[in-house]
Amino acid sequence: MQRIKAELFTDPGNNAVVRMPGRKFPGVLIQGDSLSILRGDLAHIVKSCAEGDLDEARESAAIILADLDAMLDRYCDTLRAHDIPVPFARPD
């Protein structure tokens, strides 16, 4: 394990915006339990598709997309608030 100093741009809760040493742009720190939930949600979509339940898969995917959009919005808003350019074009 290595101890480092990182820059924290948001509260330290879930989905914190953090810049690691040596990096130009911040990233998003996703807590392990949140990552596990995201993985489980995606596995549910894969299972629904395999079973032919496309309505269920579509609904579940829309929820995940909304959650990721909210996380991306927070990231972009945080960068703009600190006068850091967003390093990508926002997807549709």
C-alpha atoms as a PDB file:
ATOM      1  CA  MET A   1       0.000   0.000   0.000  1.00  0.00           C
ATOM      2  CA  GLN A   2       1.164   3.491  -0.835  1.00  0.00           C
ATOM      3  CA  ARG A   3      -0.083   6.626   0.913  1.00  0.00           C
ATOM      4  CA  ILE A   4      -0.540   9.652  -1.303  1.00  0.00           C
ATOM      5  CA  LYS A   5      -2.145  13.068  -1.196  1.00  0.00           C
ATOM      6  CA  ALA A   6      -5.002  13.561  -3.621  1.00  0.00           C
ATOM      7  CA  GLU A   7      -7.176  16.589  -4.347  1.00  0.00           C
ATOM      8  CA  LEU A   8     -10.805  16.166  -3.279  1.00  0.00           C
ATOM      9  CA  PHE A   9     -13.230  18.361  -5.234  1.00  0.00           C
ATOM     10  CA  THR A  10     -16.524  17.116  -3.725  1.00  0.00           C
ATOM     11  CA  ASP A  11     -17.681  15.645  -0.460  1.00  0.00           C
ATOM     12  CA  PRO A  12     -15.953  12.342   0.301  1.00  0.00           C
ATOM     13  CA  GLY A  13     -19.118  10.229  -0.083  1.00  0.00           C
ATOM     14  CA  ASN A  14     -20.087   7.977  -2.974  1.00  0.00           C
ATOM     15  CA  ASN A  15     -18.832   9.099  -6.370  1.00  0.00           C
ATOM     16  CA  ALA A  16     -16.312  11.600  -5.063  1.00  0.00           C
ATOM     17  CA  VAL A  17     -14.458  13.663  -7.646  1.00  0.00           C
ATOM     18  CA  VAL A  18     -10.753  13.273  -6.898  1.00  0.00           C
ATOM     19  CA  ARG A  19      -7.537  14.155  -8.731  1.00  0.00           C
ATOM     20  CA  MET A  20      -4.673  11.765  -8.193  1.00  0.00           C
ATOM     21  CA  PRO A  21      -1.090  13.026  -8.148  1.00  0.00           C
ATOM     22  CA  GLY A  22       0.394  13.373 -11.614  1.00  0.00           C
ATOM     23  CA  ARG A  23      -2.982  13.388 -13.364  1.00  0.00           C
ATOM     24  CA  LYS A  24      -4.203  16.368 -15.361  1.00  0.00           C
ATOM     25  CA  PHE A  25      -7.896  15.681 -14.816  1.00  0.00           C
ATOM     26  CA  PRO A  26      -9.829  14.429 -11.798  1.00  0.00           C
ATOM     27  CA  GLY A  27     -11.615  11.097 -11.806  1.00  0.00           C
ATOM     28  CA  VAL A  28     -14.588   9.655  -9.972  1.00  0.00           C
ATOM     29  CA  LEU A  29     -14.030   7.371  -7.008  1.00  0.00           C
ATOM     30  CA  ILE A  30     -16.780   4.755  -6.858  1.00  0.00           C
ATOM     31  CA  GLN A  31     -17.072   2.932  -3.558  1.00  0.00           C
ATOM     32  CA  GLY A  32     -16.735  -0.856  -3.718  1.00  0.00           C
ATOM     33  CA  ASP A  33     -20.310  -1.549  -2.630  1.00  0.00           C
ATOM     34  CA  SER A  34     -21.612   0.846  -5.291  1.00  0.00           C
ATOM     35  CA  LEU A  35     -19.438  -0.855  -7.904  1.00  0.00           C
ATOM     36  CA  SER A  36     -20.817  -4.235  -6.843  1.00  0.00           C
ATOM     37  CA  ILE A  37     -24.401  -2.954  -7.153  1.00  0.00           C
ATOM     38  CA  LEU A  38     -23.678  -1.568 -10.633  1.00  0.00           C
ATOM     39  CA  ARG A  39     -22.207  -4.905 -11.685  1.00  0.00           C
ATOM     40  CA  GLY A  40     -25.246  -6.746 -10.318  1.00  0.00           C
ATOM     41  CA  ASP A  41     -27.612  -4.414 -12.155  1.00  0.00           C
ATOM     42  CA  LEU A  42     -25.771  -5.006 -15.421  1.00  0.00           C
ATOM     43  CA  ALA A  43     -25.808  -8.769 -14.832  1.00  0.00           C
ATOM     44  CA  HIS A  44     -29.582  -8.517 -14.407  1.00  0.00           C
ATOM     45  CA  ILE A  45     -29.831  -6.845 -17.819  1.00  0.00           C
ATOM     46  CA  VAL A  46     -27.727  -9.567 -19.440  1.00  0.00           C
ATOM     47  CA  LYS A  47     -29.928 -12.249 -17.836  1.00  0.00           C
ATOM     48  CA  SER A  48     -33.122 -10.470 -18.948  1.00  0.00           C
ATOM     49  CA  CYS A  49     -31.799 -10.279 -22.516  1.00  0.00           C
ATOM     50  CA  ALA A  50     -30.834 -13.959 -22.483  1.00  0.00           C
ATOM     51  CA  GLU A  51     -34.337 -14.830 -21.303  1.00  0.00           C
ATOM     52  CA  GLY A  52     -35.893 -12.658 -23.994  1.00  0.00           C
ATOM     53  CA  ASP A  53     -37.387 -10.189 -21.512  1.00  0.00           C
ATOM     54  CA  LEU A  54     -36.344  -7.098 -23.428  1.00  0.00           C
ATOM     55  CA  ASP A  55     -38.838  -4.824 -21.693  1.00  0.00           C
ATOM     56  CA  GLU A  56     -37.274  -5.658 -18.311  1.00  0.00           C
ATOM     57  CA  ALA A  57     -33.768  -5.239 -19.740  1.00  0.00           C
ATOM     58  CA  ARG A  58     -34.671  -1.880 -21.302  1.00  0.00           C
ATOM     59  CA  GLU A  59     -36.203  -0.617 -18.058  1.00  0.00           C
ATOM     60  CA  SER A  60     -33.200  -1.707 -15.992  1.00  0.00           C
ATOM     61  CA  ALA A  61     -30.777  -0.207 -18.507  1.00  0.00           C
ATOM     62  CA  ALA A  62     -32.656   3.111 -18.426  1.00  0.00           C
ATOM     63  CA  ILE A  63     -32.265   3.249 -14.634  1.00  0.00           C
ATOM     64  CA  ILE A  64     -28.530   2.580 -14.839  1.00  0.00           C
ATOM     65  CA  LEU A  65     -28.143   5.156 -17.602  1.00  0.00           C
ATOM     66  CA  ALA A  66     -29.951   7.763 -15.491  1.00  0.00           C
ATOM     67  CA  ASP A  67     -27.670   6.998 -12.532  1.00  0.00           C
ATOM     68  CA  LEU A  68     -24.543   7.258 -14.691  1.00  0.00           C
ATOM     69  CA  ASP A  69     -25.829  10.474 -16.280  1.00  0.00           C
ATOM     70  CA  ALA A  70     -26.294  11.967 -12.809  1.00  0.00           C
ATOM     71  CA  MET A  71     -22.750  10.945 -11.881  1.00  0.00           C
ATOM     72  CA  LEU A  72     -21.394  12.409 -15.112  1.00  0.00           C
ATOM     73  CA  ASP A  73     -23.364  15.637 -14.568  1.00  0.00           C
ATOM     74  CA  ARG A  74     -21.871  15.962 -11.087  1.00  0.00           C
ATOM     75  CA  TYR A  75     -18.392  15.370 -12.496  1.00  0.00           C
ATOM     76  CA  CYS A  76     -18.815  17.997 -15.244  1.00  0.00           C
ATOM     77  CA  ASP A  77     -20.389  20.518 -12.865  1.00  0.00           C
ATOM     78  CA  THR A  78     -17.541  20.015 -10.404  1.00  0.00           C
ATOM     79  CA  LEU A  79     -14.875  20.533 -13.047  1.00  0.00           C
ATOM     80  CA  ARG A  80     -16.561  23.690 -14.331  1.00  0.00           C
ATOM     81  CA  ALA A  81     -16.879  25.036 -10.764  1.00  0.00           C
ATOM     82  CA  HIS A  82     -13.098  24.684 -10.420  1.00  0.00           C
ATOM     83  CA  ASP A  83     -12.306  26.108 -13.881  1.00  0.00           C
ATOM     84  CA  ILE A  84     -11.075  22.762 -15.172  1.00  0.00           C
ATOM     85  CA  PRO A  85     -12.058  21.967 -18.762  1.00  0.00           C
ATOM     86  CA  VAL A  86     -14.146  18.831 -19.246  1.00  0.00           C
ATOM     87  CA  PRO A  87     -11.818  16.380 -21.040  1.00  0.00           C
ATOM     88  CA  PHE A  88     -14.439  14.922 -23.400  1.00  0.00           C
ATOM     89  CA  ALA A  89     -17.483  15.796 -25.476  1.00  0.00           C
ATOM     90  CA  ARG A  90     -20.644  14.965 -23.575  1.00  0.00           C
ATOM     91  CA  PRO A  91     -22.359  11.936 -25.175  1.00  0.00           C
ATOM     92  CA  ASP A  92     -26.027  12.105 -26.189  1.00  0.00           C
END
